[in-house]
Amino acid sequence: MAMKIDAGSCSACGACEFECPNAAISMKGDVYVIKASACTECDGDDPKCSAVCPSDCISKA
């Protein structure tokens, strides 16, 4: 399963994009999205993207 970003809560700060070890996060329009096929949820560790998200808008899909 992959992580997902709640577009309505995303502030588009970009913090998550730089933390993703798989380059699964990118800008789409005005917000960031996570490419599900590339997301590994950091292989069982706490997902780095959700740990740095100031809007707390990243969760498991």
PDB file of N, CA and C in Angstrom:
ATOM      1  N   MET A   1       0.850  -1.179   0.000  1.00  0.00           N
ATOM      2  CA  MET A   1       0.000   0.000   0.000  1.00  0.00           C
ATOM      3  C   MET A   1       0.896   1.243   0.000  1.00  0.00           C
ATOM      4  N   ALA A   2       0.376   2.325  -0.461  1.00  0.00           N
ATOM      5  CA  ALA A   2       1.151   3.566  -0.578  1.00  0.00           C
ATOM      6  C   ALA A   2       0.573   4.654   0.323  1.00  0.00           C
ATOM      7  N   MET A   3       1.342   5.676   0.489  1.00  0.00           N
ATOM      8  CA  MET A   3       0.880   6.841   1.217  1.00  0.00           C
ATOM      9  C   MET A   3       0.082   7.711   0.256  1.00  0.00           C
ATOM     10  N   LYS A   4      -0.745   8.609   0.792  1.00  0.00           N
ATOM     11  CA  LYS A   4      -1.488   9.544  -0.044  1.00  0.00           C
ATOM     12  C   LYS A   4      -1.495  10.909   0.623  1.00  0.00           C
ATOM     13  N   ILE A   5      -1.682  11.930  -0.188  1.00  0.00           N
ATOM     14  CA  ILE A   5      -1.714  13.306   0.293  1.00  0.00           C
ATOM     15  C   ILE A   5      -3.135  13.841   0.131  1.00  0.00           C
ATOM     16  N   ASP A   6      -3.691  14.388   1.194  1.00  0.00           N
ATOM     17  CA  ASP A   6      -5.002  15.032   1.140  1.00  0.00           C
ATOM     18  C   ASP A   6      -4.806  16.400   0.502  1.00  0.00           C
ATOM     19  N   ALA A   7      -5.209  16.522  -0.759  1.00  0.00           N
ATOM     20  CA  ALA A   7      -4.978  17.749  -1.531  1.00  0.00           C
ATOM     21  C   ALA A   7      -5.611  18.973  -0.882  1.00  0.00           C
ATOM     22  N   GLY A   8      -6.736  18.802  -0.200  1.00  0.00           N
ATOM     23  CA  GLY A   8      -7.405  19.921   0.438  1.00  0.00           C
ATOM     24  C   GLY A   8      -6.654  20.487   1.619  1.00  0.00           C
ATOM     25  N   SER A   9      -5.778  19.685   2.211  1.00  0.00           N
ATOM     26  CA  SER A   9      -4.998  20.128   3.371  1.00  0.00           C
ATOM     27  C   SER A   9      -3.551  20.463   3.040  1.00  0.00           C
ATOM     28  N   CYS A  10      -3.095  20.055   1.868  1.00  0.00           N
ATOM     29  CA  CYS A  10      -1.699  20.257   1.473  1.00  0.00           C
ATOM     30  C   CYS A  10      -1.407  21.744   1.269  1.00  0.00           C
ATOM     31  N   SER A  11      -0.353  22.212   1.924  1.00  0.00           N
ATOM     32  CA  SER A  11       0.048  23.616   1.793  1.00  0.00           C
ATOM     33  C   SER A  11       1.085  23.811   0.688  1.00  0.00           C
ATOM     34  N   ALA A  12       1.481  22.740   0.027  1.00  0.00           N
ATOM     35  CA  ALA A  12       2.467  22.766  -1.062  1.00  0.00           C
ATOM     36  C   ALA A  12       3.808  23.330  -0.617  1.00  0.00           C
ATOM     37  N   CYS A  13       4.201  22.997   0.608  1.00  0.00           N
ATOM     38  CA  CYS A  13       5.472  23.496   1.138  1.00  0.00           C
ATOM     39  C   CYS A  13       6.681  22.795   0.511  1.00  0.00           C
ATOM     40  N   GLY A  14       6.497  21.538   0.067  1.00  0.00           N
ATOM     41  CA  GLY A  14       7.582  20.810  -0.578  1.00  0.00           C
ATOM     42  C   GLY A  14       8.454  19.985   0.341  1.00  0.00           C
ATOM     43  N   ALA A  15       8.211  20.029   1.638  1.00  0.00           N
ATOM     44  CA  ALA A  15       9.052  19.288   2.587  1.00  0.00           C
ATOM     45  C   ALA A  15       9.050  17.790   2.308  1.00  0.00           C
ATOM     46  N   CYS A  16       7.909  17.252   1.953  1.00  0.00           N
ATOM     47  CA  CYS A  16       7.788  15.818   1.726  1.00  0.00           C
ATOM     48  C   CYS A  16       8.575  15.347   0.501  1.00  0.00           C
ATOM     49  N   GLU A  17       8.580  16.151  -0.538  1.00  0.00           N
ATOM     50  CA  GLU A  17       9.244  15.760  -1.781  1.00  0.00           C
ATOM     51  C   GLU A  17      10.720  15.455  -1.559  1.00  0.00           C
ATOM     52  N   PHE A  18      11.387  16.244  -0.761  1.00  0.00           N
ATOM     53  CA  PHE A  18      12.822  16.074  -0.544  1.00  0.00           C
ATOM     54  C   PHE A  18      13.140  14.939   0.419  1.00  0.00           C
ATOM     55  N   GLU A  19      12.169  14.514   1.220  1.00  0.00           N
ATOM     56  CA  GLU A  19      12.388  13.419   2.162  1.00  0.00           C
ATOM     57  C   GLU A  19      12.148  12.048   1.553  1.00  0.00           C
ATOM     58  N   CYS A  20      11.438  11.975   0.443  1.00  0.00           N
ATOM     59  CA  CYS A  20      11.075  10.689  -0.153  1.00  0.00           C
ATOM     60  C   CYS A  20      12.299  10.004  -0.771  1.00  0.00           C
ATOM     61  N   PRO A  21      12.653   8.816  -0.264  1.00  0.00           N
ATOM     62  CA  PRO A  21      13.824   8.118  -0.793  1.00  0.00           C
ATOM     63  C   PRO A  21      13.588   7.490  -2.176  1.00  0.00           C
ATOM     64  N   ASN A  22      12.334   7.441  -2.612  1.00  0.00           N
ATOM     65  CA  ASN A  22      12.002   6.810  -3.886  1.00  0.00           C
ATOM     66  C   ASN A  22      11.587   7.796  -4.969  1.00  0.00           C
ATOM     67  N   ALA A  23      11.652   9.076  -4.686  1.00  0.00           N
ATOM     68  CA  ALA A  23      11.223  10.115  -5.620  1.00  0.00           C
ATOM     69  C   ALA A  23       9.787   9.878  -6.089  1.00  0.00           C
ATOM     70  N   ALA A  24       8.934   9.426  -5.168  1.00  0.00           N
ATOM     71  CA  ALA A  24       7.536   9.121  -5.490  1.00  0.00           C
ATOM     72  C   ALA A  24       6.632  10.342  -5.351  1.00  0.00           C
ATOM     73  N   ILE A  25       7.152  11.442  -4.840  1.00  0.00           N
ATOM     74  CA  ILE A  25       6.338  12.632  -4.599  1.00  0.00           C
ATOM     75  C   ILE A  25       6.724  13.719  -5.595  1.00  0.00           C
ATOM     76  N   SER A  26       5.704  14.306  -6.213  1.00  0.00           N
ATOM     77  CA  SER A  26       5.951  15.376  -7.176  1.00  0.00           C
ATOM     78  C   SER A  26       4.799  16.367  -7.154  1.00  0.00           C
ATOM     79  N   MET A  27       5.051  17.531  -7.724  1.00  0.00           N
ATOM     80  CA  MET A  27       4.039  18.578  -7.796  1.00  0.00           C
ATOM     81  C   MET A  27       3.104  18.287  -8.961  1.00  0.00           C
ATOM     82  N   LYS A  28       1.812  18.409  -8.709  1.00  0.00           N
ATOM     83  CA  LYS A  28       0.799  18.266  -9.760  1.00  0.00           C
ATOM     84  C   LYS A  28      -0.184  19.407  -9.557  1.00  0.00           C
ATOM     85  N   GLY A  29      -0.144  20.348 -10.463  1.00  0.00           N
ATOM     86  CA  GLY A  29      -0.972  21.540 -10.291  1.00  0.00           C
ATOM     87  C   GLY A  29      -0.447  22.376  -9.133  1.00  0.00           C
ATOM     88  N   ASP A  30      -1.294  22.588  -8.134  1.00  0.00           N
ATOM     89  CA  ASP A  30      -0.914  23.413  -6.989  1.00  0.00           C
ATOM     90  C   ASP A  30      -0.547  22.612  -5.754  1.00  0.00           C
ATOM     91  N   VAL A  31      -0.616  21.298  -5.822  1.00  0.00           N
ATOM     92  CA  VAL A  31      -0.334  20.459  -4.654  1.00  0.00           C
ATOM     93  C   VAL A  31       0.598  19.312  -5.027  1.00  0.00           C
ATOM     94  N   TYR A  32       1.066  18.623  -4.010  1.00  0.00           N
ATOM     95  CA  TYR A  32       1.924  17.461  -4.225  1.00  0.00           C
ATOM     96  C   TYR A  32       1.085  16.196  -4.251  1.00  0.00           C
ATOM     97  N   VAL A  33       1.544  15.218  -5.012  1.00  0.00           N
ATOM     98  CA  VAL A  33       0.898  13.912  -5.103  1.00  0.00           C
ATOM     99  C   VAL A  33       1.960  12.826  -4.939  1.00  0.00           C
ATOM    100  N   ILE A  34       1.502  11.642  -4.537  1.00  0.00           N
ATOM    101  CA  ILE A  34       2.401  10.509  -4.366  1.00  0.00           C
ATOM    102  C   ILE A  34       2.065   9.455  -5.410  1.00  0.00           C
ATOM    103  N   LYS A  35       3.059   9.046  -6.178  1.00  0.00           N
ATOM    104  CA  LYS A  35       2.889   7.997  -7.178  1.00  0.00           C
ATOM    105  C   LYS A  35       2.859   6.656  -6.440  1.00  0.00           C
ATOM    106  N   ALA A  36       1.681   6.050  -6.386  1.00  0.00           N
ATOM    107  CA  ALA A  36       1.478   4.833  -5.594  1.00  0.00           C
ATOM    108  C   ALA A  36       2.412   3.698  -5.994  1.00  0.00           C
ATOM    109  N   SER A  37       2.693   3.558  -7.263  1.00  0.00           N
ATOM    110  CA  SER A  37       3.546   2.458  -7.716  1.00  0.00           C
ATOM    111  C   SER A  37       5.002   2.614  -7.289  1.00  0.00           C
ATOM    112  N   ALA A  38       5.404   3.815  -6.911  1.00  0.00           N
ATOM    113  CA  ALA A  38       6.783   4.056  -6.483  1.00  0.00           C
ATOM    114  C   ALA A  38       6.930   4.136  -4.958  1.00  0.00           C
ATOM    115  N   CYS A  39       5.824   4.333  -4.256  1.00  0.00           N
ATOM    116  CA  CYS A  39       5.864   4.489  -2.795  1.00  0.00           C
ATOM    117  C   CYS A  39       5.985   3.131  -2.116  1.00  0.00           C
ATOM    118  N   THR A  40       6.967   3.021  -1.227  1.00  0.00           N
ATOM    119  CA  THR A  40       7.164   1.785  -0.463  1.00  0.00           C
ATOM    120  C   THR A  40       6.885   1.988   1.021  1.00  0.00           C
ATOM    121  N   GLU A  41       6.327   3.144   1.377  1.00  0.00           N
ATOM    122  CA  GLU A  41       6.095   3.515   2.774  1.00  0.00           C
ATOM    123  C   GLU A  41       7.405   3.416   3.564  1.00  0.00           C
ATOM    124  N   CYS A  42       8.498   3.676   2.914  1.00  0.00           N
ATOM    125  CA  CYS A  42       9.846   3.639   3.516  1.00  0.00           C
ATOM    126  C   CYS A  42      10.179   2.270   4.093  1.00  0.00           C
ATOM    127  N   ASP A  43       9.660   1.225   3.446  1.00  0.00           N
ATOM    128  CA  ASP A  43       9.966  -0.172   3.784  1.00  0.00           C
ATOM    129  C   ASP A  43       9.792  -0.507   5.255  1.00  0.00           C
ATOM    130  N   GLY A  44       8.662  -0.125   5.817  1.00  0.00           N
ATOM    131  CA  GLY A  44       8.342  -0.495   7.187  1.00  0.00           C
ATOM    132  C   GLY A  44       8.753   0.514   8.231  1.00  0.00           C
ATOM    133  N   ASP A  45       9.660   1.411   7.900  1.00  0.00           N
ATOM    134  CA  ASP A  45      10.008   2.480   8.840  1.00  0.00           C
ATOM    135  C   ASP A  45       8.858   3.465   8.859  1.00  0.00           C
ATOM    136  N   ASP A  46       8.899   4.400   9.776  1.00  0.00           N
ATOM    137  CA  ASP A  46       7.898   5.459   9.739  1.00  0.00           C
ATOM    138  C   ASP A  46       8.107   6.228   8.453  1.00  0.00           C
ATOM    139  N   PRO A  47       7.062   6.399   7.652  1.00  0.00           N
ATOM    140  CA  PRO A  47       7.219   7.137   6.397  1.00  0.00           C
ATOM    141  C   PRO A  47       7.799   8.530   6.631  1.00  0.00           C
ATOM    142  N   LYS A  48       8.872   8.814   5.937  1.00  0.00           N
ATOM    143  CA  LYS A  48       9.577  10.081   6.118  1.00  0.00           C
ATOM    144  C   LYS A  48       8.729  11.276   5.697  1.00  0.00           C
ATOM    145  N   CYS A  49       7.901  11.094   4.669  1.00  0.00           N
ATOM    146  CA  CYS A  49       7.089  12.202   4.182  1.00  0.00           C
ATOM    147  C   CYS A  49       6.099  12.678   5.240  1.00  0.00           C
ATOM    148  N   SER A  50       5.430  11.751   5.891  1.00  0.00           N
ATOM    149  CA  SER A  50       4.441  12.156   6.889  1.00  0.00           C
ATOM    150  C   SER A  50       5.100  12.728   8.135  1.00  0.00           C
ATOM    151  N   ALA A  51       6.315  12.301   8.414  1.00  0.00           N
ATOM    152  CA  ALA A  51       7.025  12.815   9.590  1.00  0.00           C
ATOM    153  C   ALA A  51       7.390  14.291   9.456  1.00  0.00           C
ATOM    154  N   VAL A  52       7.612  14.758   8.225  1.00  0.00           N
ATOM    155  CA  VAL A  52       8.018  16.151   8.030  1.00  0.00           C
ATOM    156  C   VAL A  52       6.874  17.060   7.584  1.00  0.00           C
ATOM    157  N   CYS A  53       5.694  16.510   7.350  1.00  0.00           N
ATOM    158  CA  CYS A  53       4.579  17.302   6.837  1.00  0.00           C
ATOM    159  C   CYS A  53       4.001  18.232   7.904  1.00  0.00           C
ATOM    160  N   PRO A  54       4.117  19.554   7.721  1.00  0.00           N
ATOM    161  CA  PRO A  54       3.595  20.475   8.717  1.00  0.00           C
ATOM    162  C   PRO A  54       2.064  20.559   8.708  1.00  0.00           C
ATOM    163  N   SER A  55       1.434  20.109   7.632  1.00  0.00           N
ATOM    164  CA  SER A  55      -0.033  20.147   7.522  1.00  0.00           C
ATOM    165  C   SER A  55      -0.678  18.846   7.976  1.00  0.00           C
ATOM    166  N   ASP A  56       0.149  17.842   8.275  1.00  0.00           N
ATOM    167  CA  ASP A  56      -0.337  16.536   8.696  1.00  0.00           C
ATOM    168  C   ASP A  56      -1.369  15.989   7.711  1.00  0.00           C
ATOM    169  N   CYS A  57      -1.071  16.121   6.416  1.00  0.00           N
ATOM    170  CA  CYS A  57      -2.039  15.713   5.397  1.00  0.00           C
ATOM    171  C   CYS A  57      -1.650  14.441   4.666  1.00  0.00           C
ATOM    172  N   ILE A  58      -0.612  13.724   5.149  1.00  0.00           N
ATOM    173  CA  ILE A  58      -0.179  12.494   4.488  1.00  0.00           C
ATOM    174  C   ILE A  58      -0.556  11.303   5.350  1.00  0.00           C
ATOM    175  N   SER A  59      -1.223  10.337   4.733  1.00  0.00           N
ATOM    176  CA  SER A  59      -1.662   9.144   5.465  1.00  0.00           C
ATOM    177  C   SER A  59      -1.568   7.930   4.544  1.00  0.00           C
ATOM    178  N   LYS A  60      -1.818   6.748   5.107  1.00  0.00           N
ATOM    179  CA  LYS A  60      -1.813   5.538   4.292  1.00  0.00           C
ATOM    180  C   LYS A  60      -3.041   5.536   3.406  1.00  0.00           C
ATOM    181  N   ALA A  61      -2.857   5.109   2.172  1.00  0.00           N
ATOM    182  CA  ALA A  61      -3.965   5.088   1.196  1.00  0.00           C
ATOM    183  C   ALA A  61      -4.982   4.036   1.540  1.00  0.00           C
TER     184      ALA A  61
END
